[in-house]
Amino acid sequence: MFTYNKNLYICLCYVGSSIGLQMNSKVTERFIACYVELKKLDKVRSARQFALSLGFHAQSWNEILKRRRDVTLNLVERAVEHYAFNPIFLYKGEGSFFLDVNQGSNLRVLQVVTDHMGRENIVHVPTKAQAGYAAQAEPLEAIKSFVNYTIPGLEHRFGTFRSFEVAGDSMVPSIQAGEIVVCRYVAPDFWLKQLQDNQVYVVVSKEDLVIKRIKNRLQEHGALHLYSDNAQYEPYLMPESDVQELWLVEKVIKSFDQKIVPSEKTGTTADLLELVRLQSGIIEELRSQMTTN
């Protein structure tokens, strides 16, 4: 879970290949405490009204109130958005029941998927889903449709990873269209001091998702300078307030074309030496035959 003075990042964890949507009992108890406080403030009149206002079944909410089941991630997200339930309180038991208006307005959820051992998987965001990912349209539903997997060598590294399919030619020749970049999440707390110039990032903004080299000018200009490797694309500024997520590119998964064969005209030094030896042997054999004759 990450906090930042301009954006609040909450890390929601989905367990296993069949994504678990139930929270633990501690979160449920804190959620109910928020609901009770909401009633005291006369924001809702009844359990039924509360459930229906969040698009939740009243009977299911009664089961939660009776401690027969836990709250779901969908219900938590809706309560945070609709009634400003404080996710820090829900997940850690710290702070007040509710967010203030300024803190809650820039809430963004960072979702992760883990295997049965609790290890994070890489979540793949295909090209067709990237616009929705940037806008976070129905994030809880979208994450269930994304492929998640592991790569040898990355499973023991600290961090949250995403992979993105590259579209366009702005990063040619470094990265080609159709290739996949595997990236590590960089929390907003580390943007100011840890973003290094000329490194390649996936930059998720409020409107778009792009892959660019960056120059960190947050301290001087309150913005990132974004550059393409393809000189035909002009660099531009992105204000810090527009940046939703930053993912450092760590690996590129490239395609391999079996049809491409090396040219016979381009031999290595070893090939040329072998050819000279063969020709020398033929010449010596001819000389030997001529001498005998």
Protein backbone atom coordinates (compact mmCIF):
# COMPACT_ATOMS: atom_id res chain seq x y z
CA MET A 1 0.00 0.00 0.00
CA PHE A 2 1.44 3.34 -1.01
CA THR A 3 0.52 6.88 -0.12
CA TYR A 4 1.53 10.07 -1.87
CA ASN A 5 0.66 13.69 -1.26
CA LYS A 6 -1.09 14.00 -4.63
CA ASN A 7 -2.34 10.48 -5.29
CA LEU A 8 -3.33 7.69 -2.93
CA TYR A 9 -2.33 4.26 -4.19
CA ILE A 10 -4.00 1.18 -2.76
CA CYS A 11 -2.64 -2.27 -3.54
CA LEU A 12 -5.44 -4.84 -3.90
CA CYS A 13 -4.32 -8.45 -4.04
CA TYR A 14 -6.00 -11.20 -6.07
CA VAL A 15 -5.02 -14.74 -5.09
CA GLY A 16 -4.50 -17.62 -7.49
CA SER A 17 -5.67 -18.25 -11.02
CA SER A 18 -9.32 -18.04 -9.96
CA ILE A 19 -9.06 -14.52 -8.60
CA GLY A 20 -10.14 -14.30 -4.97
CA LEU A 21 -12.56 -11.46 -4.31
CA GLN A 22 -13.06 -11.97 -0.57
CA MET A 23 -11.26 -9.84 2.01
CA ASN A 24 -10.16 -11.03 5.45
CA SER A 25 -12.22 -10.71 8.63
CA LYS A 26 -10.24 -7.71 9.96
CA VAL A 27 -11.11 -5.69 6.88
CA THR A 28 -14.74 -6.77 7.24
CA GLU A 29 -14.86 -5.59 10.85
CA ARG A 30 -13.39 -2.21 9.93
CA PHE A 31 -15.77 -1.91 7.00
CA ILE A 32 -18.74 -2.52 9.30
CA ALA A 33 -17.33 0.08 11.73
CA CYS A 34 -17.30 2.61 8.90
CA TYR A 35 -20.89 1.73 8.07
CA VAL A 36 -21.97 2.18 11.71
CA GLU A 37 -20.25 5.57 11.78
CA LEU A 38 -22.00 6.46 8.53
CA LYS A 39 -25.36 5.75 10.16
CA LYS A 40 -24.42 7.86 13.20
CA LEU A 41 -23.72 10.76 10.85
CA ASP A 42 -27.16 10.18 9.31
CA LYS A 43 -25.66 9.61 5.85
CA VAL A 44 -27.70 6.42 5.44
CA ARG A 45 -30.90 5.36 7.15
CA SER A 46 -30.81 1.58 6.86
CA ALA A 47 -28.72 -1.39 5.82
CA ARG A 48 -30.93 -1.87 2.78
CA GLN A 49 -30.45 1.72 1.63
CA PHE A 50 -26.67 1.40 2.08
CA ALA A 51 -26.50 -1.82 0.05
CA LEU A 52 -28.71 -0.57 -2.77
CA SER A 53 -26.79 2.72 -3.01
CA LEU A 54 -23.66 0.67 -3.78
CA GLY A 55 -25.38 -1.67 -6.22
CA PHE A 56 -25.05 -4.53 -3.73
CA HIS A 57 -27.64 -7.14 -2.72
CA ALA A 58 -29.30 -6.20 0.57
CA GLN A 59 -29.46 -9.86 1.64
CA SER A 60 -25.72 -10.30 0.99
CA TRP A 61 -24.97 -7.16 3.03
CA ASN A 62 -27.07 -8.56 5.92
CA GLU A 63 -24.94 -11.73 5.80
CA ILE A 64 -21.84 -9.55 6.14
CA LEU A 65 -23.35 -7.64 9.06
CA LYS A 66 -24.04 -10.97 10.79
CA ARG A 67 -20.36 -11.95 10.22
CA ARG A 68 -21.34 -14.91 8.08
CA ARG A 69 -19.24 -13.73 5.15
CA ASP A 70 -16.55 -11.17 4.41
CA VAL A 71 -16.79 -8.02 2.32
CA THR A 72 -15.78 -8.24 -1.32
CA LEU A 73 -13.27 -6.12 -3.19
CA ASN A 74 -16.07 -4.74 -5.34
CA LEU A 75 -17.96 -3.56 -2.27
CA VAL A 76 -14.84 -1.98 -0.75
CA GLU A 77 -14.06 -0.09 -3.94
CA ARG A 78 -17.62 1.21 -4.28
CA ALA A 79 -17.73 2.35 -0.65
CA VAL A 80 -14.41 4.18 -1.06
CA GLU A 81 -15.69 5.96 -4.16
CA HIS A 82 -19.26 6.66 -2.97
CA TYR A 83 -18.85 7.29 0.76
CA ALA A 84 -15.10 8.04 0.99
CA PHE A 85 -14.36 5.07 3.27
CA ASN A 86 -10.68 5.41 4.18
CA PRO A 87 -8.80 2.46 2.59
CA ILE A 88 -5.83 3.01 4.91
CA PHE A 89 -8.15 2.41 7.85
CA LEU A 90 -9.77 -0.58 6.15
CA TYR A 91 -6.52 -2.35 5.30
CA LYS A 92 -4.23 -1.23 8.13
CA GLY A 93 -6.52 0.02 10.87
CA GLU A 94 -4.84 3.43 10.84
CA GLY A 95 -6.36 6.89 10.51
CA SER A 96 -9.97 8.01 10.47
CA PHE A 97 -13.02 6.20 9.13
CA PHE A 98 -13.35 8.50 6.11
CA LEU A 99 -11.13 10.34 3.66
CA ASP A 100 -11.35 14.08 3.37
CA VAL A 101 -12.48 15.43 0.00
CA ASN A 102 -9.01 16.43 -1.22
CA GLN A 103 -7.39 13.16 -0.27
CA GLY A 104 -10.08 10.97 -1.75
CA SER A 105 -10.46 12.73 -5.08
CA ASN A 106 -7.30 11.23 -6.58
CA LEU A 107 -7.71 7.70 -5.34
CA ARG A 108 -6.21 5.12 -7.66
CA VAL A 109 -6.18 1.37 -7.14
CA LEU A 110 -3.13 -0.71 -7.99
CA GLN A 111 -4.16 -4.34 -8.33
CA VAL A 112 -1.84 -7.33 -8.13
CA VAL A 113 -2.32 -11.06 -8.65
CA THR A 114 -0.58 -13.70 -6.56
CA ASP A 115 -0.21 -17.45 -6.89
CA HIS A 116 -1.23 -19.93 -4.19
CA MET A 117 2.11 -19.32 -2.41
CA GLY A 118 1.46 -15.59 -2.14
CA ARG A 119 4.04 -14.64 -4.80
CA GLU A 120 3.08 -11.89 -7.22
CA ASN A 121 2.51 -12.80 -10.84
CA ILE A 122 3.15 -10.54 -13.81
CA VAL A 123 -0.13 -9.13 -15.13
CA HIS A 124 -0.17 -8.68 -18.91
CA VAL A 125 -2.03 -5.69 -20.37
CA PRO A 126 -2.67 -6.29 -24.11
CA THR A 127 -2.85 -3.43 -26.60
CA LYS A 128 -6.65 -3.55 -26.89
CA ALA A 129 -7.04 -3.13 -23.12
CA GLN A 130 -4.58 -0.28 -22.64
CA ALA A 131 -7.02 2.60 -23.11
CA GLY A 132 -9.31 1.11 -20.49
CA TYR A 133 -6.36 0.42 -18.22
CA ALA A 134 -5.30 4.06 -18.36
CA ALA A 135 -8.83 5.20 -17.54
CA GLN A 136 -9.27 2.36 -15.03
CA ALA A 137 -12.73 1.62 -16.36
CA GLU A 138 -14.20 -1.18 -14.23
CA PRO A 139 -10.76 -2.19 -12.92
CA LEU A 140 -11.95 -5.07 -10.78
CA GLU A 141 -13.61 -6.73 -13.76
CA ALA A 142 -10.77 -5.93 -16.14
CA ILE A 143 -8.07 -7.47 -13.99
CA LYS A 144 -9.86 -10.83 -14.07
CA SER A 145 -9.60 -10.97 -17.86
CA PHE A 146 -5.86 -10.21 -17.98
CA VAL A 147 -3.38 -13.05 -18.38
CA ASN A 148 -0.98 -13.40 -15.43
CA TYR A 149 2.25 -15.40 -15.47
CA THR A 150 5.82 -15.67 -14.17
CA ILE A 151 9.23 -15.40 -15.83
CA PRO A 152 12.26 -17.31 -14.46
CA GLY A 153 14.54 -14.88 -12.68
CA LEU A 154 11.82 -12.36 -11.87
CA GLU A 155 9.74 -14.40 -9.45
CA HIS A 156 12.12 -13.77 -6.53
CA ARG A 157 12.66 -10.07 -7.19
CA PHE A 158 11.01 -7.45 -5.04
CA GLY A 159 8.31 -5.41 -6.72
CA THR A 160 5.08 -5.45 -8.67
CA PHE A 161 5.37 -6.23 -12.38
CA ARG A 162 3.24 -5.59 -15.46
CA SER A 163 3.84 -6.42 -19.10
CA PHE A 164 2.55 -4.27 -21.94
CA GLU A 165 2.28 -4.99 -25.65
CA VAL A 166 3.98 -2.31 -27.73
CA ALA A 167 2.04 -0.51 -30.45
CA GLY A 168 3.51 1.97 -32.92
CA ASP A 169 7.08 2.77 -33.94
CA SER A 170 7.99 5.63 -31.60
CA MET A 171 10.69 3.56 -29.83
CA VAL A 172 12.26 2.04 -32.95
CA PRO A 173 14.98 0.73 -33.16
CA SER A 174 15.17 -0.11 -29.44
CA ILE A 175 11.67 -1.59 -29.20
CA GLN A 176 9.55 -2.75 -32.13
CA ALA A 177 5.78 -2.82 -32.50
CA GLY A 178 4.31 -6.11 -31.29
CA GLU A 179 7.06 -6.76 -28.76
CA ILE A 180 6.28 -7.02 -25.06
CA VAL A 181 7.94 -4.98 -22.33
CA VAL A 182 8.09 -6.36 -18.79
CA CYS A 183 8.12 -3.51 -16.26
CA ARG A 184 8.51 -2.92 -12.53
CA TYR A 185 6.19 -0.51 -10.74
CA VAL A 186 7.70 2.69 -9.34
CA ALA A 187 5.69 4.13 -6.43
CA PRO A 188 5.05 7.89 -6.43
CA ASP A 189 7.07 8.31 -3.23
CA PHE A 190 10.20 7.54 -5.27
CA TRP A 191 9.52 9.61 -8.39
CA LEU A 192 11.34 12.75 -7.32
CA LYS A 193 14.69 11.17 -6.41
CA GLN A 194 14.81 7.78 -8.13
CA LEU A 195 13.68 8.49 -11.69
CA GLN A 196 16.86 8.54 -13.76
CA ASP A 197 17.29 10.37 -17.04
CA ASN A 198 17.21 8.39 -20.29
CA GLN A 199 15.65 5.27 -18.79
CA VAL A 200 12.63 3.80 -20.57
CA TYR A 201 9.28 3.77 -18.78
CA VAL A 202 5.68 2.94 -19.48
CA VAL A 203 3.93 6.17 -18.50
CA VAL A 204 0.24 5.84 -17.64
CA SER A 205 -1.54 9.18 -17.77
CA LYS A 206 -5.17 10.13 -17.26
CA GLU A 207 -5.80 9.82 -21.01
CA ASP A 208 -3.20 7.47 -22.46
CA LEU A 209 -0.46 4.88 -22.00
CA VAL A 210 2.90 5.48 -23.71
CA ILE A 211 6.41 4.01 -23.72
CA LYS A 212 9.11 6.70 -23.61
CA ARG A 213 12.52 7.64 -22.33
CA ILE A 214 12.21 10.24 -19.63
CA LYS A 215 14.14 13.14 -18.18
CA ASN A 216 13.23 13.84 -14.59
CA ARG A 217 12.32 17.51 -14.27
CA LEU A 218 9.83 17.15 -11.44
CA GLN A 219 11.78 19.39 -9.10
CA GLU A 220 12.50 22.13 -11.66
CA HIS A 221 9.34 22.11 -13.80
CA GLY A 222 6.93 19.80 -12.00
CA ALA A 223 6.90 17.62 -15.13
CA LEU A 224 8.55 14.74 -16.95
CA HIS A 225 10.20 15.27 -20.34
CA LEU A 226 9.20 12.37 -22.60
CA TYR A 227 11.37 11.34 -25.56
CA SER A 228 11.08 8.76 -28.33
CA ASP A 229 14.00 6.81 -29.82
CA ASN A 230 12.49 7.40 -33.25
CA ALA A 231 13.67 10.90 -34.22
CA GLN A 232 10.48 11.51 -36.20
CA TYR A 233 8.57 11.95 -32.92
CA GLU A 234 8.95 15.24 -31.05
CA PRO A 235 9.63 15.24 -27.28
CA TYR A 236 7.01 16.73 -25.00
CA LEU A 237 6.28 17.59 -21.37
CA MET A 238 3.86 15.71 -19.14
CA PRO A 239 2.84 17.51 -15.92
CA GLU A 240 3.22 15.47 -12.76
CA SER A 241 -0.48 15.92 -12.05
CA ASP A 242 -1.31 13.98 -15.25
CA VAL A 243 0.88 10.98 -14.39
CA GLN A 244 -1.08 8.06 -12.96
CA GLU A 245 1.52 5.28 -12.92
CA LEU A 246 5.17 4.74 -13.89
CA TRP A 247 6.58 1.34 -14.85
CA LEU A 248 10.34 0.90 -15.42
CA VAL A 249 11.06 -1.33 -18.44
CA GLU A 250 13.30 -4.20 -17.31
CA LYS A 251 12.93 -6.81 -20.07
CA VAL A 252 11.81 -6.86 -23.68
CA ILE A 253 10.28 -10.04 -25.10
CA LYS A 254 11.11 -10.03 -28.81
CA SER A 255 9.74 -12.10 -31.65
CA PHE A 256 12.05 -14.43 -33.61
CA ASP A 257 11.74 -15.00 -37.34
CA GLN A 258 12.99 -18.44 -38.40
CA LYS A 259 12.80 -17.48 -42.09
CA ILE A 260 15.69 -15.01 -41.92
CA VAL A 261 18.96 -16.72 -42.93
CA PRO A 262 22.45 -15.18 -42.79
CA SER A 263 23.90 -14.01 -46.09
CA GLU A 264 26.53 -16.29 -47.62
CA LYS A 265 28.60 -13.25 -48.48
CA THR A 266 29.11 -12.23 -44.88
CA GLY A 267 31.45 -14.81 -43.42
CA THR A 268 33.24 -14.66 -40.10
CA THR A 269 37.03 -14.61 -39.73
CA ALA A 270 36.96 -18.30 -38.83
CA ASP A 271 35.02 -19.09 -42.03
CA LEU A 272 37.53 -17.16 -44.15
CA LEU A 273 40.50 -18.95 -42.54
CA GLU A 274 38.86 -22.31 -43.17
CA LEU A 275 38.35 -21.36 -46.85
CA VAL A 276 42.03 -20.36 -47.19
CA ARG A 277 43.12 -23.70 -45.69
CA LEU A 278 40.94 -25.62 -48.14
CA GLN A 279 42.29 -23.67 -51.12
CA SER A 280 45.85 -24.14 -49.90
CA GLY A 281 45.31 -27.89 -49.64
CA ILE A 282 43.94 -28.02 -53.20
CA ILE A 283 46.97 -26.08 -54.54
CA GLU A 284 49.42 -28.39 -52.76
CA GLU A 285 47.66 -31.44 -54.14
CA LEU A 286 47.86 -30.03 -57.71
CA ARG A 287 51.56 -29.28 -57.27
CA SER A 288 52.18 -32.81 -56.06
CA GLN A 289 50.37 -34.28 -59.09
CA MET A 290 52.32 -32.04 -61.51
CA THR A 291 55.65 -33.06 -59.94
CA THR A 292 54.79 -36.75 -60.24
CA ASN A 293 53.83 -36.38 -63.89
